[in-house]
C-alpha cells in the first residue's frame, strides 16, 4: 500500500440545502489538501460511492431528483471524471432510491441497498444481470414502514455472505443489521432468502464496511446520542460466542459527536476511517487511539465517501 499522499478521498455532495440542489463529486488528499471538483452539476442526489481500484473507476448511486419520482440510477466514471456512463438507468430493474453501493472485486459485481425500494440488489460492473437479493416489502403501504428501508451494504466474498442495515424510524432505536449468504439455491424468492439478525435496537444505522481479514464490521449511525451520531465496530469473530451464551454482541464506539453521520470508508492498512456527515463534516478517525481529526467542518451536504489508492 502506498503512502497517504498517494491516496485520495472521493466525497459525494448532494447540494440538498442549496436553492438549485446541484450536487458534485469532490476529491482531496487524505489530509484534506488539494480539494477539487471531479464532477459537478449533479441534480439527482448522489448518495453511495465505491472505487474499483484495479480499473481506476468509481461507481455511485443517485437517489433521484425527487424521492417520490422513483428515478434513482447508478453511474460510473473514471477517477478523473471522464467517460461518465449510466449503467442502471432510472426506473430500470425495479430501482427506486439506491443508497450505499459496494464493489465485490473478485466476482466483479456491485451490491447496493434501495431504501424506498426495500431491497438489496446486485449487478455486473456494466449493469447487466441485475437481480434482487433481499426484499423487505412490495407495496406503497410497505414503503411507509421505514423499518423495511434498506440503506447500508457490505460484502464478504471470502466467507460468501453480505450484510445490510435497515435504519428504522429517524432516531428511533429500532435499527438493525442483517447477514445473508451470497449464493442460495435457484428458484427462491427474495423475500424468502435466509437472513440472520446480527444486531438490533440500534439508533439509526446507515453505511457499513467490512474488514474481511479481521472480521470487523464498521458502521455509521445518525441516530440520537449517546449511541447515535457515531462510528462503531464489532468483531464478528465474537458473534458465535455471544449467540451461544444468548448475550448481546457489544459494539465499540470509535467516534462521537458527528452530525447526521452517513458516509464511511475504512483504510485498513493505515488503521483509520474516514466519515462524512450531512452537516458537511469530513473526519479522519484513528482506529487505535480513537482520535478524530476534522478535515472539513462544512464542505456541503455530504453522503458517501470512498478511498482511491493511486
Protein backbone atom coordinates (compact mmCIF):
# COMPACT_ATOMS: atom_id res chain seq x y z
CA UNK A 1 0.00 0.00 0.00
CA UNK A 2 1.28 3.44 -0.87
CA UNK A 3 1.66 6.40 1.44
CA UNK A 4 -1.21 8.68 2.43
CA UNK A 5 -0.15 11.22 -0.21
CA UNK A 6 -0.86 8.58 -2.87
CA UNK A 7 -4.42 8.17 -1.65
CA UNK A 8 -7.40 10.37 -2.42
CA UNK A 9 -10.88 10.66 -0.95
CA UNK A 10 -13.90 10.86 -3.22
CA UNK A 11 -16.79 12.62 -1.49
CA UNK A 12 -20.40 12.97 -2.60
CA UNK A 13 -22.18 16.29 -2.04
CA UNK A 14 -25.93 16.27 -2.72
CA UNK A 15 -26.20 20.06 -2.66
CA UNK A 16 -29.50 19.41 -0.91
CA UNK A 17 -29.53 22.64 1.12
CA UNK A 18 -28.84 24.84 -1.93
CA UNK A 19 -31.74 26.50 -3.77
CA UNK A 20 -30.94 24.67 -7.02
CA UNK A 21 -29.92 21.41 -5.29
CA UNK A 22 -26.86 20.96 -7.51
CA UNK A 23 -24.51 18.30 -6.17
CA UNK A 24 -20.99 17.17 -7.03
CA UNK A 25 -18.23 14.65 -6.53
CA UNK A 26 -15.32 16.25 -4.69
CA UNK A 27 -11.84 14.79 -4.26
CA UNK A 28 -8.93 15.61 -1.97
CA UNK A 29 -5.87 14.01 -0.45
CA UNK A 30 -6.45 12.17 2.80
CA UNK A 31 -5.13 15.13 4.79
CA UNK A 32 -7.77 17.40 3.20
CA UNK A 33 -5.40 19.20 0.84
CA UNK A 34 -5.79 19.62 -2.93
CA UNK A 35 -9.60 19.74 -2.89
CA UNK A 36 -11.09 19.73 -6.36
CA UNK A 37 -14.41 19.12 -8.10
CA UNK A 38 -14.29 15.95 -10.20
CA UNK A 39 -17.89 16.06 -11.44
CA UNK A 40 -20.27 18.98 -10.92
CA UNK A 41 -23.81 19.89 -11.89
CA UNK A 42 -25.35 16.76 -10.39
CA UNK A 43 -29.13 17.08 -9.97
CA UNK A 44 -30.10 13.62 -8.75
CA UNK A 45 -28.87 13.39 -5.13
CA UNK A 46 -25.71 11.25 -5.30
CA UNK A 47 -25.57 9.01 -2.26
CA UNK A 48 -23.22 6.00 -2.27
CA UNK A 49 -19.81 5.58 -3.92
CA UNK A 50 -17.42 2.67 -4.48
CA UNK A 51 -13.99 2.56 -6.11
CA UNK A 52 -12.73 -0.13 -8.49
CA UNK A 53 -9.01 0.15 -7.73
CA UNK A 54 -7.95 -2.25 -10.49
CA UNK A 55 -9.79 -0.40 -13.25
CA UNK A 56 -9.41 3.14 -11.91
CA UNK A 57 -13.14 3.74 -11.95
CA UNK A 58 -15.76 4.92 -9.49
CA UNK A 59 -19.39 3.85 -9.24
CA UNK A 60 -22.07 5.85 -7.49
CA UNK A 61 -25.79 5.79 -6.81
CA UNK A 62 -28.23 8.63 -7.38
CA UNK A 63 -31.34 8.67 -5.22
CA UNK A 64 -33.19 10.72 -7.85
CA UNK A 65 -34.21 14.34 -8.41
CA UNK A 66 -37.20 13.89 -6.09
CA UNK A 67 -37.62 10.82 -3.95
CA UNK A 68 -41.27 10.45 -4.93
CA UNK A 69 -40.31 10.34 -8.63
CA UNK A 70 -38.87 6.82 -8.48
CA UNK A 71 -35.96 7.96 -10.70
CA UNK A 72 -32.86 6.66 -8.96
CA UNK A 73 -29.91 5.37 -11.00
CA UNK A 74 -26.32 4.10 -10.90
CA UNK A 75 -23.43 5.69 -12.82
CA UNK A 76 -19.73 5.12 -13.37
CA UNK A 77 -16.77 7.24 -14.50
CA UNK A 78 -13.00 7.21 -14.45
CA UNK A 79 -11.45 8.70 -11.34
CA UNK A 80 -10.78 11.96 -13.21
CA UNK A 81 -14.49 12.25 -14.05
CA UNK A 82 -14.13 11.27 -17.71
CA UNK A 83 -16.01 8.50 -19.52
CA UNK A 84 -19.13 9.03 -17.43
CA UNK A 85 -21.85 6.45 -18.10
CA UNK A 86 -25.22 5.40 -16.71
CA UNK A 87 -25.19 1.64 -16.09
CA UNK A 88 -28.53 1.29 -14.27
CA UNK A 89 -30.94 3.88 -15.68
CA UNK A 90 -33.93 5.38 -13.87
CA UNK A 91 -36.88 3.03 -13.40
CA UNK A 92 -34.83 0.06 -14.55
CA UNK A 93 -34.92 -3.35 -12.81
CA UNK A 94 -37.10 -2.00 -10.01
CA UNK A 95 -34.61 0.59 -8.73
CA UNK A 96 -36.25 3.27 -6.59
CA UNK A 97 -33.83 5.18 -4.32
CA UNK A 98 -30.44 3.40 -4.29
CA UNK A 99 -28.23 4.18 -1.30
CA UNK A 100 -24.84 2.71 -0.33
CA UNK A 101 -23.04 0.72 -3.04
CA UNK A 102 -20.25 -1.82 -2.55
CA UNK A 103 -17.89 -3.49 -5.01
CA UNK A 104 -17.23 -7.24 -4.87
CA UNK A 105 -13.85 -7.21 -6.65
CA UNK A 106 -13.41 -10.96 -7.15
CA UNK A 107 -16.85 -11.52 -8.60
CA UNK A 108 -16.75 -8.16 -10.43
CA UNK A 109 -20.18 -7.23 -9.13
CA UNK A 110 -21.86 -4.26 -7.49
CA UNK A 111 -24.14 -4.60 -4.47
CA UNK A 112 -26.43 -1.83 -3.31
CA UNK A 113 -29.34 -1.11 -1.00
CA UNK A 114 -32.52 0.56 -2.22
CA UNK A 115 -34.23 2.45 0.59
CA UNK A 116 -37.77 3.14 -0.62
CA UNK A 117 -37.44 0.14 -2.92
CA UNK A 118 -36.95 -2.00 0.22
CA UNK A 119 -34.34 -4.19 -1.46
CA UNK A 120 -30.75 -5.36 -1.56
CA UNK A 121 -29.65 -5.77 -5.19
CA UNK A 122 -26.60 -6.60 -7.30
CA UNK A 123 -25.44 -6.46 -10.91
CA UNK A 124 -22.35 -6.73 -13.06
CA UNK A 125 -20.00 -3.77 -13.41
CA UNK A 126 -21.69 -2.85 -16.68
CA UNK A 127 -25.15 -3.00 -15.11
CA UNK A 128 -26.00 -6.38 -16.60
CA UNK A 129 -27.60 -9.24 -14.71
CA UNK A 130 -29.34 -7.04 -12.15
CA UNK A 131 -31.21 -9.05 -9.54
CA UNK A 132 -32.99 -8.60 -6.24
CA UNK A 133 -31.30 -10.47 -3.40
CA UNK A 134 -33.45 -9.35 -0.47
CA UNK A 135 -36.92 -7.84 -0.49
CA UNK A 136 -38.50 -6.50 2.68
CA UNK A 137 -41.70 -5.17 1.12
CA UNK A 138 -43.52 -4.55 -2.15
CA UNK A 139 -46.46 -2.17 -1.71
CA UNK A 140 -46.88 1.55 -1.09
CA UNK A 141 -48.09 0.71 2.41
CA UNK A 142 -44.92 -1.32 2.98
CA UNK A 143 -42.87 1.66 1.80
CA UNK A 144 -44.37 3.83 4.52
CA UNK A 145 -42.94 1.42 7.10
CA UNK A 146 -39.39 2.78 7.48
CA UNK A 147 -38.37 -0.35 9.40
CA UNK A 148 -38.31 -2.01 5.96
CA UNK A 149 -35.89 0.53 4.45
CA UNK A 150 -32.52 -0.95 3.43
CA UNK A 151 -29.61 1.51 3.50
CA UNK A 152 -26.04 0.27 4.02
CA UNK A 153 -24.34 -2.75 2.46
CA UNK A 154 -21.03 -4.64 2.75
CA UNK A 155 -19.82 -7.84 1.07
CA UNK A 156 -17.63 -10.63 2.47
CA UNK A 157 -16.60 -12.57 -0.62
CA UNK A 158 -14.14 -14.74 1.31
CA UNK A 159 -16.91 -16.16 3.52
CA UNK A 160 -19.70 -15.93 0.98
CA UNK A 161 -22.08 -13.50 2.68
CA UNK A 162 -23.24 -9.90 2.61
CA UNK A 163 -24.51 -7.50 5.28
CA UNK A 164 -27.06 -4.72 5.16
CA UNK A 165 -28.66 -2.20 7.50
CA UNK A 166 -32.33 -1.34 7.95
CA UNK A 167 -32.31 2.02 9.67
CA UNK A 168 -35.81 2.11 11.12
CA UNK A 169 -37.53 5.36 12.18
CA UNK A 170 -35.47 8.52 12.47
CA UNK A 171 -33.67 8.42 15.85
CA UNK A 172 -36.00 5.53 16.66
CA UNK A 173 -33.70 2.99 18.30
CA UNK A 174 -35.09 0.26 16.06
CA UNK A 175 -32.25 -0.04 13.53
CA UNK A 176 -30.94 -3.47 12.58
CA UNK A 177 -28.03 -5.10 10.74
CA UNK A 178 -28.55 -8.41 8.92
CA UNK A 179 -26.46 -11.03 7.16
CA UNK A 180 -27.32 -13.39 4.28
CA UNK A 181 -25.41 -15.86 2.07
CA UNK A 182 -24.26 -14.64 -1.35
CA UNK A 183 -25.28 -17.88 -3.05
CA UNK A 184 -28.56 -19.68 -2.43
CA UNK A 185 -30.44 -22.41 -4.25
CA UNK A 186 -32.04 -21.30 -7.51
CA UNK A 187 -35.72 -20.56 -7.57
CA UNK A 188 -36.10 -18.97 -4.15
CA UNK A 189 -37.97 -15.69 -3.78
CA UNK A 190 -36.03 -12.65 -2.44
CA UNK A 191 -38.48 -12.23 0.43
CA UNK A 192 -37.70 -15.81 1.49
CA UNK A 193 -33.91 -15.51 1.34
CA UNK A 194 -32.19 -16.72 4.55
CA UNK A 195 -31.25 -13.80 6.77
CA UNK A 196 -29.62 -13.58 10.16
CA UNK A 197 -30.05 -10.67 12.55
CA UNK A 198 -26.59 -9.54 13.67
CA UNK A 199 -27.57 -6.51 15.76
CA UNK A 200 -30.85 -4.87 16.72
CA UNK A 201 -32.04 -1.90 18.74
CA UNK A 202 -29.57 0.50 17.08
CA UNK A 203 -30.39 4.23 16.98
CA UNK A 204 -30.28 4.57 13.15
CA UNK A 205 -27.51 2.61 11.35
CA UNK A 206 -26.52 3.84 7.90
CA UNK A 207 -23.38 2.87 5.92
CA UNK A 208 -21.42 -0.32 6.53
CA UNK A 209 -17.90 -1.52 5.79
CA UNK A 210 -16.28 -4.88 6.48
CA UNK A 211 -12.65 -5.82 7.07
CA UNK A 212 -12.61 -9.37 5.67
CA UNK A 213 -9.23 -10.21 7.18
CA UNK A 214 -10.03 -9.30 10.79
CA UNK A 215 -13.78 -9.91 10.51
CA UNK A 216 -14.54 -6.44 11.83
CA UNK A 217 -17.79 -4.76 10.83
CA UNK A 218 -17.92 -0.94 10.94
CA UNK A 219 -20.96 1.31 10.58
CA UNK A 220 -22.09 4.89 10.91
CA UNK A 221 -25.18 5.75 12.92
CA UNK A 222 -27.09 9.02 12.51
CA UNK A 223 -29.44 8.44 15.44
CA UNK A 224 -29.51 10.25 18.77
CA UNK A 225 -26.61 10.23 21.27
CA UNK A 226 -25.15 8.59 23.22
CA UNK A 227 -25.12 5.65 20.80
CA UNK A 228 -26.07 7.64 17.72
CA UNK A 229 -24.14 10.14 15.57
CA UNK A 230 -21.24 7.76 15.96
CA UNK A 231 -18.79 5.49 14.18
CA UNK A 232 -18.97 1.93 15.51
CA UNK A 233 -17.43 -1.51 15.11
CA UNK A 234 -17.96 -5.09 16.26
CA UNK A 235 -15.84 -8.22 15.96
CA UNK A 236 -17.80 -10.83 14.05
CA UNK A 237 -15.45 -13.45 15.47
CA UNK A 238 -17.25 -12.88 18.79
CA UNK A 239 -20.69 -13.37 17.27
CA UNK A 240 -20.88 -17.15 17.65
CA UNK A 241 -19.86 -16.99 21.32
CA UNK A 242 -22.41 -14.26 22.04
CA UNK A 243 -25.14 -16.26 20.30
CA UNK A 244 -24.26 -19.41 22.25
CA UNK A 245 -24.38 -17.51 25.53
CA UNK A 246 -27.57 -15.70 24.44
CA UNK A 247 -25.90 -12.37 25.10
CA UNK A 248 -25.92 -9.19 23.02
CA UNK A 249 -22.82 -8.56 20.94
CA UNK A 250 -21.47 -5.27 22.25
CA UNK A 251 -20.20 -2.61 19.86
CA UNK A 252 -17.19 -0.35 20.26
CA UNK A 253 -17.85 3.35 19.65
CA UNK A 254 -14.88 4.83 17.77
CA UNK A 255 -16.10 8.42 17.36
CA UNK A 256 -18.92 10.55 18.75
CA UNK A 257 -20.41 13.99 18.12
CA UNK A 258 -20.87 13.53 14.40
CA UNK A 259 -23.69 15.47 12.76
CA UNK A 260 -26.04 13.11 10.91
CA UNK A 261 -23.27 10.59 10.14
CA UNK A 262 -23.57 8.92 6.73
CA UNK A 263 -20.53 8.02 4.61
CA UNK A 264 -17.82 5.58 5.68
CA UNK A 265 -14.58 4.32 4.16
CA UNK A 266 -12.01 2.36 6.15
CA UNK A 267 -8.30 2.47 5.34
CA UNK A 268 -7.43 -0.92 6.80
CA UNK A 269 -3.69 -0.76 6.09
CA UNK A 270 -3.27 2.56 7.88
CA UNK A 271 -5.77 1.75 10.66
CA UNK A 272 -8.03 4.73 10.13
CA UNK A 273 -11.51 5.52 8.89
CA UNK A 274 -13.00 8.44 7.02
CA UNK A 275 -16.54 9.55 7.81
CA UNK A 276 -18.79 12.18 6.28
CA UNK A 277 -21.99 13.70 7.64
CA UNK A 278 -24.95 15.64 6.27
CA UNK A 279 -23.79 18.81 8.04
CA UNK A 280 -20.73 18.82 5.77
CA UNK A 281 -18.13 17.34 8.08
CA UNK A 282 -15.31 15.15 6.79
CA UNK A 283 -13.40 13.33 9.52
CA UNK A 284 -10.32 11.13 9.77
CA UNK A 285 -10.53 8.76 12.76
CA UNK A 286 -7.61 6.79 14.17
CA UNK A 287 -8.98 3.30 14.87
CA UNK A 288 -6.45 2.64 17.63
CA UNK A 289 -6.44 5.91 19.58
CA UNK A 290 -9.97 6.98 18.53
CA UNK A 291 -8.62 10.46 17.81
CA UNK A 292 -10.90 12.37 15.46
CA UNK A 293 -9.41 14.92 13.05
CA UNK A 294 -11.70 17.34 11.22
CA UNK A 295 -10.62 17.64 7.60
CA UNK A 296 -13.57 19.87 6.64
CA UNK A 297 -16.23 21.25 9.03
CA UNK A 298 -18.83 22.27 6.41
CA UNK A 299 -17.93 21.06 2.94
CA UNK A 300 -21.50 20.59 1.74
CA UNK A 301 -24.47 18.26 2.20
CA UNK A 302 -22.39 15.11 2.27
CA UNK A 303 -23.32 11.47 1.86
CA UNK A 304 -20.90 8.80 0.58
CA UNK A 305 -17.11 8.70 0.74
CA UNK A 306 -14.53 6.28 -0.67
CA UNK A 307 -10.72 6.00 -0.75
CA UNK A 308 -8.83 5.56 -4.00
CA UNK A 309 -5.26 4.22 -3.85
CA UNK A 310 -3.44 5.90 -6.72
